[in-house]
Amino acid sequence: MKALQINFSDYSGGGGGAIAMYRLCQGLAQLSVDCKIISKAKILSSDQSALMPRFRLLEGGIKAITKPLGFNDIHAIGTFWLRQHPFFQAADILNLHVIHSDYFNYLALPALTTTRPAVFTLHDMWAFTGHCAYSYDCSRWQSGCGSCPYPESYPSIQRDRTRLEWRLKRWVYGRTNLAIAAPSRWLVDQAQKSILNGHDILHIPNGLDVQTYAPIDKTLARQALGLPLDQLIVMSCAESLRDRRKGMDLLVNSLNQLPASLRANTMLLLMGNGSEAVEAVVQVPTVSLGFVTSDRMKALAYSAADVFLFPTRADNLPIVLQESMACGTPMVSFDVGGVPDLVRPGITGLLAPAEQADEFVAQVVSMLSNEGMRQQFAVNCREIAVKDYAIEHQAKRYKALYETMVNRNKQTL
């Protein structure tokens, strides 16, 4: 079996979508599935990945017209030439990941899937909205978009053509040989209400290496990172700590509301770019590790923390929560998107209603004040991570899906 993964980056140290895709490739390799990667950004030196075909001068000229009109991706005409690439020609199946990053033209999907079936792994909602990766409280994507309330939401648009783009996507999917894989139950539910509902939609959670992400003795982890042994440590991270969706403003508000006695004994550990904005306003001592790509370093950080705090405003199945679980670190987050799949109230952590900072801080206080609860949650986290999210589980499900799609395609040719 040969699978071609298509993603904005081939780099496993990038954002969540890239990490999830790369880990899937590693898991599939253990099942003798040969994965190649086509991407917008080629970071790896490996010959297993290559750049998406591009006609940059021509695409730049088209983009100068289409982007001001409100279309972010249809200028990328090089996508239609992907069929000539050796990786494509050798592949049995395509696996789409994050394709809304200014390099892939979704209008090419019917042509690409005439001879190769495809799996579309949803990392957010973009596939079925008029432009946005997350719609927040807007449900217009269920009936046609238009009059977009969040034109600046990523990926932002210069003009509201969301109704037309929604219709273009619906037209494309009706002509594409496609199955959908969604990592969270929430995203499965959203997809079933969307223009994708004519396709098979499967729930396949992302996986991770539970041997690499495993509990490390807390004292040893703290000593390795130069952290104090006698304080409570809360941890948070995001690729960009400046990203409003990740809710660092809510984290700061919550930590600044901690009772003075608790705040005096608490330290914040951060991973990600842009920590200086948090450090400038949070009223607890802070240590920033910066943007960390090393799995071992991340496992040390999770293991050093008493609680992992994730104040997200919208998310699918956050990889950082899976990593925290696998390292036996209980979590506090908001009840949004696919977060409850991982932060299971009273089992692996505690949840607050969306964007309710007062409720969030109450849950943080409860967690920090109860060592027995943290210890039990830690045991539960590890058990569930191994049982539900080990990479081999994900890889087996994807291999079975690939085989089903390829065999079905052979029967129709």
Protein backbone atom coordinates (compact mmCIF):
# COMPACT_ATOMS: atom_id res chain seq x y z
CA MET A 1 0.00 0.00 0.00
CA LYS A 2 1.35 3.40 -1.03
CA ALA A 3 -0.27 6.54 0.40
CA LEU A 4 0.40 10.13 -0.60
CA GLN A 5 -0.08 12.58 2.28
CA ILE A 6 -0.85 16.18 1.29
CA ASN A 7 -0.31 18.84 3.94
CA PHE A 8 0.90 22.43 4.32
CA SER A 9 4.16 21.19 5.89
CA ASP A 10 6.14 17.97 6.08
CA TYR A 11 7.74 19.02 9.35
CA SER A 12 6.84 17.05 12.46
CA GLY A 13 7.92 19.95 14.66
CA GLY A 14 5.36 22.32 13.14
CA GLY A 15 1.76 22.95 14.17
CA GLY A 16 -0.77 20.35 15.25
CA GLY A 17 -1.81 19.35 11.73
CA ALA A 18 1.78 18.67 10.68
CA ILE A 19 2.56 16.75 13.86
CA ALA A 20 -0.56 14.60 13.47
CA MET A 21 0.23 13.84 9.82
CA TYR A 22 3.85 12.97 10.53
CA ARG A 23 2.94 10.69 13.42
CA LEU A 24 0.40 8.93 11.23
CA CYS A 25 3.12 8.28 8.65
CA GLN A 26 5.33 6.79 11.35
CA GLY A 27 2.52 4.54 12.55
CA LEU A 28 1.65 3.42 9.02
CA ALA A 29 5.29 2.59 8.31
CA GLN A 30 5.09 -0.02 11.07
CA LEU A 31 2.26 -1.64 9.08
CA SER A 32 4.24 -1.61 5.81
CA VAL A 33 2.31 1.32 4.35
CA ASP A 34 4.70 3.47 2.30
CA CYS A 35 3.92 7.16 2.85
CA LYS A 36 5.19 10.01 0.74
CA ILE A 37 4.43 13.68 1.49
CA ILE A 38 3.60 16.56 -0.83
CA SER A 39 3.56 19.91 0.97
CA LYS A 40 3.74 23.66 0.65
CA ALA A 41 6.79 23.82 2.91
CA LYS A 42 9.51 21.18 2.68
CA ILE A 43 11.62 21.22 5.82
CA LEU A 44 12.80 17.61 6.01
CA SER A 45 15.87 16.58 4.05
CA SER A 46 14.31 13.17 3.43
CA ASP A 47 13.43 12.14 -0.13
CA GLN A 48 10.10 10.97 1.28
CA SER A 49 8.72 14.51 0.88
CA ALA A 50 8.49 17.00 -1.99
CA LEU A 51 6.99 20.37 -2.77
CA MET A 52 3.58 20.89 -4.33
CA PRO A 53 3.91 21.82 -8.04
CA ARG A 54 3.66 25.59 -8.34
CA PHE A 55 3.67 28.20 -11.11
CA ARG A 56 4.54 31.09 -8.85
CA LEU A 57 4.59 33.98 -11.31
CA LEU A 58 1.33 32.95 -12.92
CA GLU A 59 -0.28 32.06 -9.60
CA GLY A 60 0.85 35.40 -8.18
CA GLY A 61 -0.88 37.22 -11.03
CA ILE A 62 -4.09 35.23 -10.52
CA LYS A 63 -3.94 35.74 -6.77
CA ALA A 64 -3.71 39.52 -7.24
CA ILE A 65 -7.21 39.26 -8.72
CA THR A 66 -8.83 36.42 -6.74
CA LYS A 67 -7.71 37.24 -3.20
CA PRO A 68 -9.22 40.77 -3.15
CA LEU A 69 -12.41 39.13 -4.44
CA GLY A 70 -12.50 36.92 -1.35
CA PHE A 71 -10.99 33.65 -2.64
CA ASN A 72 -7.87 32.45 -0.85
CA ASP A 73 -6.86 29.27 -2.67
CA ILE A 74 -8.19 28.98 -6.21
CA HIS A 75 -5.14 30.76 -7.68
CA ALA A 76 -3.00 27.66 -6.94
CA ILE A 77 -3.32 26.14 -10.40
CA GLY A 78 -0.22 23.99 -9.89
CA THR A 79 -2.47 21.55 -8.02
CA PHE A 80 -3.88 20.39 -11.36
CA TRP A 81 -0.35 19.27 -12.35
CA LEU A 82 0.00 17.11 -9.24
CA ARG A 83 -1.13 14.13 -11.31
CA GLN A 84 2.18 14.29 -13.20
CA HIS A 85 4.27 14.00 -10.03
CA PRO A 86 6.02 10.64 -9.44
CA PHE A 87 4.66 10.51 -5.89
CA PHE A 88 1.11 10.79 -7.20
CA GLN A 89 1.63 8.27 -9.97
CA ALA A 90 3.03 5.71 -7.52
CA ALA A 91 0.29 6.22 -4.94
CA ASP A 92 -2.69 3.94 -4.35
CA ILE A 93 -4.55 6.57 -2.33
CA LEU A 94 -4.38 10.24 -1.38
CA ASN A 95 -4.71 11.51 2.18
CA LEU A 96 -5.52 15.22 2.41
CA HIS A 97 -4.77 17.08 5.61
CA VAL A 98 -4.51 20.88 6.00
CA ILE A 99 -5.02 22.21 2.47
CA HIS A 100 -6.21 25.75 3.25
CA SER A 101 -2.77 27.35 3.45
CA ASP A 102 -2.51 29.19 0.13
CA TYR A 103 -0.95 26.32 -1.85
CA PHE A 104 -3.72 23.85 -2.80
CA ASN A 105 -6.65 24.46 -5.13
CA TYR A 106 -9.63 22.45 -3.90
CA LEU A 107 -11.24 22.81 -7.35
CA ALA A 108 -8.71 20.20 -8.54
CA LEU A 109 -10.13 17.46 -6.29
CA PRO A 110 -12.51 15.91 -8.87
CA ALA A 111 -9.65 15.59 -11.37
CA LEU A 112 -7.21 14.24 -8.77
CA THR A 113 -9.60 11.53 -7.59
CA THR A 114 -10.66 10.15 -10.97
CA THR A 115 -7.96 7.47 -10.65
CA ARG A 116 -6.97 7.74 -6.97
CA PRO A 117 -9.48 7.68 -4.11
CA ALA A 118 -8.87 10.10 -1.28
CA VAL A 119 -9.25 10.35 2.47
CA PHE A 120 -9.73 13.85 3.83
CA THR A 121 -8.52 14.08 7.42
CA LEU A 122 -10.26 17.04 9.04
CA HIS A 123 -8.06 19.03 11.40
CA ASP A 124 -10.64 21.83 11.68
CA MET A 125 -13.91 22.98 10.07
CA TRP A 126 -12.54 24.63 6.93
CA ALA A 127 -13.57 21.81 4.59
CA PHE A 128 -17.26 22.66 4.98
CA THR A 129 -17.35 26.38 5.73
CA GLY A 130 -17.27 29.38 3.44
CA HIS A 131 -13.74 30.28 4.57
CA CYS A 132 -13.03 29.81 8.28
CA ALA A 133 -11.21 27.07 10.16
CA TYR A 134 -13.49 27.53 13.18
CA SER A 135 -16.94 29.11 13.07
CA TYR A 136 -17.30 29.70 16.84
CA ASP A 137 -20.99 30.52 17.46
CA CYS A 138 -21.88 30.83 13.76
CA SER A 139 -23.85 27.96 12.19
CA ARG A 140 -24.39 29.45 8.73
CA TRP A 141 -22.14 26.78 7.22
CA GLN A 142 -25.03 24.35 7.71
CA SER A 143 -27.23 26.22 5.24
CA GLY A 144 -24.95 28.08 2.86
CA CYS A 145 -22.82 30.73 4.65
CA GLY A 146 -22.96 34.35 3.45
CA SER A 147 -22.99 37.55 5.54
CA CYS A 148 -19.98 36.18 7.41
CA PRO A 149 -19.76 37.48 10.99
CA TYR A 150 -16.05 36.66 11.26
CA PRO A 151 -14.29 37.63 7.99
CA GLU A 152 -11.02 38.16 9.92
CA SER A 153 -11.09 34.67 11.40
CA TYR A 154 -8.29 32.47 10.06
CA PRO A 155 -7.90 32.15 7.13
CA SER A 156 -9.15 35.71 6.76
CA ILE A 157 -10.90 37.02 3.66
CA GLN A 158 -10.75 40.45 2.06
CA ARG A 159 -14.31 40.26 0.73
CA ASP A 160 -17.28 38.17 1.78
CA ARG A 161 -17.70 35.53 -0.91
CA THR A 162 -18.46 32.82 1.61
CA ARG A 163 -21.78 31.82 0.08
CA LEU A 164 -20.19 31.26 -3.32
CA GLU A 165 -17.17 29.43 -1.87
CA TRP A 166 -19.50 27.19 0.15
CA ARG A 167 -21.37 26.34 -3.05
CA LEU A 168 -18.13 25.69 -4.91
CA LYS A 169 -17.04 23.26 -2.20
CA ARG A 170 -20.40 21.51 -2.32
CA TRP A 171 -20.07 21.16 -6.10
CA VAL A 172 -16.53 19.79 -5.75
CA TYR A 173 -17.42 17.20 -3.10
CA GLY A 174 -20.28 15.93 -5.21
CA ARG A 175 -17.72 14.99 -7.87
CA THR A 176 -14.89 13.72 -5.64
CA ASN A 177 -14.09 10.12 -4.66
CA LEU A 178 -13.68 10.84 -1.00
CA ALA A 179 -14.03 9.51 2.54
CA ILE A 180 -13.79 11.69 5.65
CA ALA A 181 -11.80 10.98 8.81
CA ALA A 182 -12.44 13.22 11.82
CA PRO A 183 -10.30 12.92 14.97
CA SER A 184 -12.95 14.08 17.47
CA ARG A 185 -16.57 13.13 18.05
CA TRP A 186 -17.45 16.81 17.88
CA LEU A 187 -15.99 17.19 14.40
CA VAL A 188 -17.75 14.00 13.24
CA ASP A 189 -21.02 15.57 14.35
CA GLN A 190 -20.24 18.86 12.60
CA ALA A 191 -19.26 17.08 9.37
CA GLN A 192 -22.48 15.06 9.42
CA LYS A 193 -24.46 18.32 9.45
CA SER A 194 -22.45 19.75 6.59
CA ILE A 195 -21.96 19.51 2.82
CA LEU A 196 -19.76 16.46 3.49
CA ASN A 197 -22.69 14.37 4.68
CA GLY A 198 -22.93 12.49 1.38
CA HIS A 199 -19.58 10.80 2.10
CA ASP A 200 -18.52 8.17 4.61
CA ILE A 201 -17.49 9.98 7.81
CA LEU A 202 -15.38 8.00 10.25
CA HIS A 203 -14.21 8.81 13.75
CA ILE A 204 -10.46 8.07 13.89
CA PRO A 205 -8.64 9.86 16.73
CA ASN A 206 -5.08 11.01 16.24
CA GLY A 207 -2.44 8.83 17.86
CA LEU A 208 0.95 9.30 19.48
CA ASP A 209 3.90 7.24 20.67
CA VAL A 210 2.97 6.37 24.24
CA GLN A 211 6.47 5.07 24.90
CA THR A 212 8.03 8.45 24.13
CA TYR A 213 5.22 10.35 25.82
CA ALA A 214 5.20 8.60 29.17
CA PRO A 215 5.39 9.73 32.79
CA ILE A 216 8.85 10.72 34.03
CA ASP A 217 9.57 11.04 37.73
CA LYS A 218 8.51 14.57 38.64
CA THR A 219 11.63 15.32 40.68
CA LEU A 220 13.92 14.15 37.88
CA ALA A 221 11.93 16.11 35.28
CA ARG A 222 12.13 19.31 37.31
CA GLN A 223 15.82 18.89 37.98
CA ALA A 224 16.45 18.33 34.27
CA LEU A 225 14.62 21.56 33.43
CA GLY A 226 16.00 23.57 36.35
CA LEU A 227 12.57 24.03 37.94
CA PRO A 228 11.85 24.34 41.68
CA LEU A 229 10.89 21.16 43.55
CA ASP A 230 8.78 22.86 46.21
CA GLN A 231 6.23 24.77 44.12
CA LEU A 232 3.06 23.91 42.25
CA ILE A 233 3.70 24.15 38.52
CA VAL A 234 0.95 24.80 36.00
CA MET A 235 1.81 24.43 32.35
CA SER A 236 0.33 25.73 29.11
CA CYS A 237 1.46 25.73 25.51
CA ALA A 238 0.52 26.53 21.92
CA GLU A 239 2.43 26.88 18.67
CA SER A 240 1.80 30.63 19.00
CA LEU A 241 0.89 31.95 22.42
CA ARG A 242 -0.29 35.13 20.65
CA ASP A 243 -3.09 33.27 18.86
CA ARG A 244 -6.35 34.55 20.35
CA ARG A 245 -8.04 31.21 19.69
CA LYS A 246 -5.68 29.56 22.17
CA GLY A 247 -6.96 31.86 24.92
CA MET A 248 -3.81 33.03 26.68
CA ASP A 249 -5.71 36.14 27.77
CA LEU A 250 -8.14 33.85 29.58
CA LEU A 251 -5.22 31.99 31.15
CA VAL A 252 -3.70 35.24 32.44
CA ASN A 253 -7.03 36.42 33.85
CA SER A 254 -7.51 33.10 35.60
CA LEU A 255 -4.05 32.91 37.14
CA ASN A 256 -4.26 36.51 38.28
CA GLN A 257 -7.50 35.63 40.10
CA LEU A 258 -5.96 32.80 42.11
CA PRO A 259 -6.10 33.33 45.88
CA ALA A 260 -2.98 35.14 47.01
CA SER A 261 -1.82 32.21 49.16
CA LEU A 262 -2.08 29.81 46.21
CA ARG A 263 -0.59 32.25 43.72
CA ALA A 264 2.46 32.70 45.96
CA ASN A 265 3.23 28.98 45.65
CA THR A 266 2.50 28.59 41.93
CA MET A 267 4.74 28.83 38.87
CA LEU A 268 3.72 28.94 35.20
CA LEU A 269 5.63 26.86 32.65
CA LEU A 270 5.13 27.88 29.00
CA MET A 271 5.99 26.28 25.67
CA GLY A 272 5.51 28.08 22.36
CA ASN A 273 6.33 31.27 20.49
CA GLY A 274 5.34 34.64 21.93
CA SER A 275 5.60 33.94 25.66
CA GLU A 276 6.78 37.48 26.39
CA ALA A 277 3.22 38.79 25.99
CA VAL A 278 2.04 36.43 28.75
CA GLU A 279 5.03 36.99 31.01
CA ALA A 280 4.48 40.76 30.92
CA VAL A 281 1.03 40.59 32.52
CA VAL A 282 0.71 37.36 34.50
CA GLN A 283 1.18 37.69 38.25
CA VAL A 284 2.97 34.41 38.91
CA PRO A 285 6.63 33.53 38.26
CA THR A 286 6.99 32.21 34.71
CA VAL A 287 9.50 30.02 32.91
CA SER A 288 9.34 29.83 29.13
CA LEU A 289 10.92 26.99 27.16
CA GLY A 290 10.16 28.68 23.84
CA PHE A 291 9.01 26.65 20.85
CA VAL A 292 10.00 23.05 21.57
CA THR A 293 10.25 20.40 18.85
CA SER A 294 11.97 17.65 20.85
CA ASP A 295 9.52 14.97 22.00
CA ARG A 296 11.80 14.15 24.91
CA MET A 297 11.90 17.76 26.07
CA LYS A 298 8.13 18.02 25.83
CA ALA A 299 7.67 14.83 27.84
CA LEU A 300 9.94 16.29 30.53
CA ALA A 301 7.88 19.48 30.63
CA TYR A 302 4.53 17.71 30.93
CA SER A 303 5.94 15.41 33.61
CA ALA A 304 7.33 18.36 35.59
CA ALA A 305 3.90 20.03 35.75
CA ASP A 306 1.21 19.36 38.32
CA VAL A 307 -1.59 20.50 36.01
CA PHE A 308 -1.83 21.31 32.31
CA LEU A 309 -4.00 24.35 31.55
CA PHE A 310 -5.50 24.72 28.08
CA PRO A 311 -7.78 27.80 27.81
CA THR A 312 -8.73 27.30 24.15
CA ARG A 313 -11.69 29.03 22.52
CA ALA A 314 -12.06 26.44 19.74
CA ASP A 315 -10.28 23.19 18.95
CA ASN A 316 -10.62 19.78 17.36
CA LEU A 317 -8.64 17.10 19.24
CA PRO A 318 -5.69 19.06 20.63
CA ILE A 319 -2.43 17.17 20.36
CA VAL A 320 -1.03 18.89 23.45
CA LEU A 321 -3.85 17.44 25.55
CA GLN A 322 -3.05 13.96 24.24
CA GLU A 323 0.60 14.49 25.11
CA SER A 324 -0.29 15.70 28.60
CA MET A 325 -2.55 12.67 29.14
CA ALA A 326 0.14 10.22 28.01
CA CYS A 327 2.58 11.79 30.49
CA GLY A 328 0.04 11.41 33.30
CA THR A 329 -0.58 15.14 33.79
CA PRO A 330 -4.21 16.07 34.59
CA MET A 331 -5.82 18.94 32.69
CA VAL A 332 -8.15 21.91 33.01
CA SER A 333 -9.76 23.33 29.88
CA PHE A 334 -12.99 24.71 28.42
CA ASP A 335 -15.91 22.64 27.19
CA VAL A 336 -15.44 23.41 23.50
CA GLY A 337 -15.07 21.33 20.33
CA GLY A 338 -13.35 18.00 20.79
CA VAL A 339 -11.72 18.91 24.11
CA PRO A 340 -14.18 16.77 26.18
CA ASP A 341 -12.94 13.66 24.33
CA LEU A 342 -9.69 14.13 26.23
CA VAL A 343 -10.51 16.23 29.29
CA ARG A 344 -13.12 13.94 30.78
CA PRO A 345 -14.63 15.70 33.82
CA GLY A 346 -13.87 13.91 37.06
CA ILE A 347 -11.70 11.35 35.23
CA THR A 348 -8.76 13.03 33.47
CA GLY A 349 -9.38 16.65 34.41
CA LEU A 350 -11.92 19.42 34.85
CA LEU A 351 -13.85 21.58 32.38
CA ALA A 352 -15.32 25.08 32.53
CA PRO A 353 -18.02 26.52 30.24
CA ALA A 354 -16.60 28.19 27.14
CA GLU A 355 -14.73 31.45 27.82
CA GLN A 356 -15.92 31.62 31.44
CA ALA A 357 -12.68 32.69 33.13
CA ASP A 358 -14.28 32.72 36.61
CA GLU A 359 -15.35 29.09 36.22
CA PHE A 360 -11.96 28.20 34.78
CA VAL A 361 -10.10 29.64 37.75
CA ALA A 362 -12.45 27.78 40.11
CA GLN A 363 -11.49 24.52 38.43
CA VAL A 364 -7.80 25.42 38.63
CA VAL A 365 -8.13 26.14 42.35
CA SER A 366 -9.95 22.87 42.87
CA MET A 367 -7.24 20.95 41.04
CA LEU A 368 -4.29 22.66 42.74
CA SER A 369 -5.86 22.29 46.18
CA ASN A 370 -6.47 18.56 45.95
CA GLU A 371 -3.35 16.44 45.56
CA GLY A 372 -5.31 13.19 45.90
CA MET A 373 -7.53 14.15 42.98
CA ARG A 374 -4.51 15.04 40.85
CA GLN A 375 -2.90 11.69 41.60
CA GLN A 376 -6.00 9.73 40.63
CA PHE A 377 -6.50 11.78 37.47
CA ALA A 378 -2.85 11.15 36.57
CA VAL A 379 -3.39 7.39 36.72
CA ASN A 380 -6.57 7.69 34.64
CA CYS A 381 -4.83 9.91 32.07
CA ARG A 382 -2.10 7.39 31.42
CA GLU A 383 -4.46 4.42 31.21
CA ILE A 384 -6.79 6.15 28.74
CA ALA A 385 -3.91 7.45 26.60
CA VAL A 386 -2.51 3.94 26.18
CA LYS A 387 -5.91 2.34 25.60
CA ASP A 388 -7.42 4.91 23.22
CA TYR A 389 -4.64 6.96 21.64
CA ALA A 390 -1.58 4.76 21.04
CA ILE A 391 -0.37 5.37 17.48
CA GLU A 392 -0.89 1.74 16.43
CA HIS A 393 -4.65 2.09 16.95
CA GLN A 394 -4.85 5.06 14.58
CA ALA A 395 -2.56 3.46 12.00
CA LYS A 396 -4.59 0.22 11.87
CA ARG A 397 -7.81 2.17 11.31
CA TYR A 398 -6.29 4.26 8.54
CA LYS A 399 -4.79 1.22 6.82
CA ALA A 400 -8.20 -0.49 6.89
CA LEU A 401 -9.83 2.65 5.49
CA TYR A 402 -7.22 2.91 2.73
CA GLU A 403 -7.81 -0.73 1.78
CA THR A 404 -11.57 -0.24 1.69
CA MET A 405 -11.28 2.83 -0.53
CA VAL A 406 -8.77 1.26 -2.89
CA ASN A 407 -10.78 -1.95 -3.29
CA ARG A 408 -13.99 -0.01 -3.84
CA ASN A 409 -12.24 2.11 -6.45
CA LYS A 410 -10.99 -0.99 -8.30
CA GLN A 411 -14.53 -2.34 -8.49
CA THR A 412 -15.81 0.84 -10.15
CA LEU A 413 -13.02 1.24 -12.72
